[in-house]
Amino acid sequence: MDTNYNFKFTNSPGDLEKFKKYLKKNDCPEITVDLSTLSFFETVKFVILSSAYHYQKYPSGKFKCHVASTDIKSLILNYAVTNLELV
C-alpha cells in the first residue's frame, strides 16, 4: 500500500483547515505538500503549522514540502521541526 499522499495549498482562506480535516480523515504518516505557489510568509506559516499538526498525529511520520526558493528553505531549517523534509 502506498502511504505517500499529496496535498496542494492554493492560498485560499480555508487551506489550513482543509489540511487539518485531510489529516483527520486519511491515514497519511508520510505526506508531501506543495507550497510552491505561495508567498514567502504564507509558505513559512503553512510549513510550521502544518508540520505541527502532522507531528501530533504521526510523531514518527515524514512531512515533505515543496517550496519555491532556497531562501525559504534556509529560513525554515532554522526551526527545530523533526518530521520536516524540504524538497
C-alpha atoms as a PDB file:
ATOM      1  CA  MET A   1       0.000   0.000   0.000  1.00  0.00           C
ATOM      2  CA  ASP A   2       1.305   3.438  -0.936  1.00  0.00           C
ATOM      3  CA  THR A   3       1.441   5.731   2.107  1.00  0.00           C
ATOM      4  CA  ASN A   4       2.655   8.857   0.336  1.00  0.00           C
ATOM      5  CA  TYR A   5      -0.134  11.392  -0.131  1.00  0.00           C
ATOM      6  CA  ASN A   6      -0.048  14.780  -1.843  1.00  0.00           C
ATOM      7  CA  PHE A   7      -1.783  17.960  -0.740  1.00  0.00           C
ATOM      8  CA  LYS A   8      -1.615  21.230  -2.676  1.00  0.00           C
ATOM      9  CA  PHE A   9      -2.052  24.571  -0.930  1.00  0.00           C
ATOM     10  CA  THR A  10      -3.681  27.255  -3.080  1.00  0.00           C
ATOM     11  CA  ASN A  11      -3.501  30.335  -0.839  1.00  0.00           C
ATOM     12  CA  SER A  12      -7.248  30.257  -0.246  1.00  0.00           C
ATOM     13  CA  PRO A  13      -8.545  31.239   3.197  1.00  0.00           C
ATOM     14  CA  GLY A  14      -9.546  27.712   4.238  1.00  0.00           C
ATOM     15  CA  ASP A  15      -6.439  25.792   3.165  1.00  0.00           C
ATOM     16  CA  LEU A  16      -5.104  25.165   6.657  1.00  0.00           C
ATOM     17  CA  GLU A  17      -8.488  23.923   7.895  1.00  0.00           C
ATOM     18  CA  LYS A  18      -8.812  21.684   4.824  1.00  0.00           C
ATOM     19  CA  PHE A  19      -5.390  20.251   5.598  1.00  0.00           C
ATOM     20  CA  LYS A  20      -6.343  19.547   9.218  1.00  0.00           C
ATOM     21  CA  LYS A  21      -9.515  17.767   8.047  1.00  0.00           C
ATOM     22  CA  TYR A  22      -7.480  15.837   5.495  1.00  0.00           C
ATOM     23  CA  LEU A  23      -5.156  14.616   8.256  1.00  0.00           C
ATOM     24  CA  LYS A  24      -8.058  13.536  10.452  1.00  0.00           C
ATOM     25  CA  LYS A  25      -9.801  11.691   7.626  1.00  0.00           C
ATOM     26  CA  ASN A  26      -6.816   9.971   5.978  1.00  0.00           C
ATOM     27  CA  ASP A  27      -4.076   7.671   7.175  1.00  0.00           C
ATOM     28  CA  CYS A  28      -1.030   9.573   5.928  1.00  0.00           C
ATOM     29  CA  PRO A  29       2.101   9.052   8.029  1.00  0.00           C
ATOM     30  CA  GLU A  30       4.098  10.281   5.037  1.00  0.00           C
ATOM     31  CA  ILE A  31       2.694  13.256   3.176  1.00  0.00           C
ATOM     32  CA  THR A  32       4.001  15.689   0.591  1.00  0.00           C
ATOM     33  CA  VAL A  33       2.597  19.206   0.395  1.00  0.00           C
ATOM     34  CA  ASP A  34       3.124  21.636  -2.445  1.00  0.00           C
ATOM     35  CA  LEU A  35       3.650  25.196  -1.220  1.00  0.00           C
ATOM     36  CA  SER A  36       5.493  26.424  -4.287  1.00  0.00           C
ATOM     37  CA  THR A  37       2.752  28.849  -5.353  1.00  0.00           C
ATOM     38  CA  LEU A  38       2.529  30.635  -2.006  1.00  0.00           C
ATOM     39  CA  SER A  39       4.206  33.849  -0.947  1.00  0.00           C
ATOM     40  CA  PHE A  40       7.269  33.775   1.287  1.00  0.00           C
ATOM     41  CA  PHE A  41       5.367  34.498   4.508  1.00  0.00           C
ATOM     42  CA  GLU A  42       2.426  32.227   3.695  1.00  0.00           C
ATOM     43  CA  THR A  43       4.839  29.387   2.981  1.00  0.00           C
ATOM     44  CA  VAL A  44       6.615  29.784   6.310  1.00  0.00           C
ATOM     45  CA  LYS A  45       3.299  29.952   8.166  1.00  0.00           C
ATOM     46  CA  PHE A  46       1.884  26.860   6.464  1.00  0.00           C
ATOM     47  CA  VAL A  47       5.073  24.815   6.894  1.00  0.00           C
ATOM     48  CA  ILE A  48       5.335  25.464  10.613  1.00  0.00           C
ATOM     49  CA  LEU A  49       1.649  24.963  11.398  1.00  0.00           C
ATOM     50  CA  SER A  50       1.064  22.018   9.058  1.00  0.00           C
ATOM     51  CA  SER A  51       4.119  20.134  10.237  1.00  0.00           C
ATOM     52  CA  ALA A  52       2.975  20.631  13.841  1.00  0.00           C
ATOM     53  CA  TYR A  53      -0.488  19.224  13.040  1.00  0.00           C
ATOM     54  CA  HIS A  54       1.068  16.293  11.209  1.00  0.00           C
ATOM     55  CA  TYR A  55       3.527  15.627  14.049  1.00  0.00           C
ATOM     56  CA  GLN A  56       0.680  15.486  16.585  1.00  0.00           C
ATOM     57  CA  LYS A  57      -0.887  12.573  14.718  1.00  0.00           C
ATOM     58  CA  TYR A  58       2.306  10.952  13.397  1.00  0.00           C
ATOM     59  CA  PRO A  59       5.316  11.683  15.656  1.00  0.00           C
ATOM     60  CA  SER A  60       7.480   9.314  13.635  1.00  0.00           C
ATOM     61  CA  GLY A  61       5.985  10.314  10.271  1.00  0.00           C
ATOM     62  CA  LYS A  62       7.518  12.344   7.462  1.00  0.00           C
ATOM     63  CA  PHE A  63       6.209  15.715   6.315  1.00  0.00           C
ATOM     64  CA  LYS A  64       7.691  16.731   2.949  1.00  0.00           C
ATOM     65  CA  CYS A  65       7.261  20.216   1.487  1.00  0.00           C
ATOM     66  CA  HIS A  66       7.862  21.626  -1.959  1.00  0.00           C
ATOM     67  CA  VAL A  67       8.826  25.279  -1.559  1.00  0.00           C
ATOM     68  CA  ALA A  68       9.616  27.944  -4.141  1.00  0.00           C
ATOM     69  CA  SER A  69      13.112  29.074  -3.153  1.00  0.00           C
ATOM     70  CA  THR A  70      16.299  28.337  -1.258  1.00  0.00           C
ATOM     71  CA  ASP A  71      15.676  31.474   0.838  1.00  0.00           C
ATOM     72  CA  ILE A  72      12.529  29.885   2.194  1.00  0.00           C
ATOM     73  CA  LYS A  73      14.371  26.624   2.856  1.00  0.00           C
ATOM     74  CA  SER A  74      17.110  28.474   4.725  1.00  0.00           C
ATOM     75  CA  LEU A  75      14.662  30.259   6.981  1.00  0.00           C
ATOM     76  CA  ILE A  76      12.552  27.191   7.748  1.00  0.00           C
ATOM     77  CA  LEU A  77      15.538  24.966   8.502  1.00  0.00           C
ATOM     78  CA  ASN A  78      16.315  27.222  11.481  1.00  0.00           C
ATOM     79  CA  TYR A  79      13.238  25.822  13.249  1.00  0.00           C
ATOM     80  CA  ALA A  80      13.501  22.562  15.149  1.00  0.00           C
ATOM     81  CA  VAL A  81      10.984  20.534  13.175  1.00  0.00           C
ATOM     82  CA  THR A  82      11.964  16.883  13.347  1.00  0.00           C
ATOM     83  CA  ASN A  83       9.419  15.458  10.902  1.00  0.00           C
ATOM     84  CA  LEU A  84      10.090  18.010   8.150  1.00  0.00           C
ATOM     85  CA  GLU A  85      11.871  17.419   4.854  1.00  0.00           C
ATOM     86  CA  LEU A  86      12.127  20.251   2.323  1.00  0.00           C
ATOM     87  CA  VAL A  87      12.206  19.145  -1.305  1.00  0.00           C
END
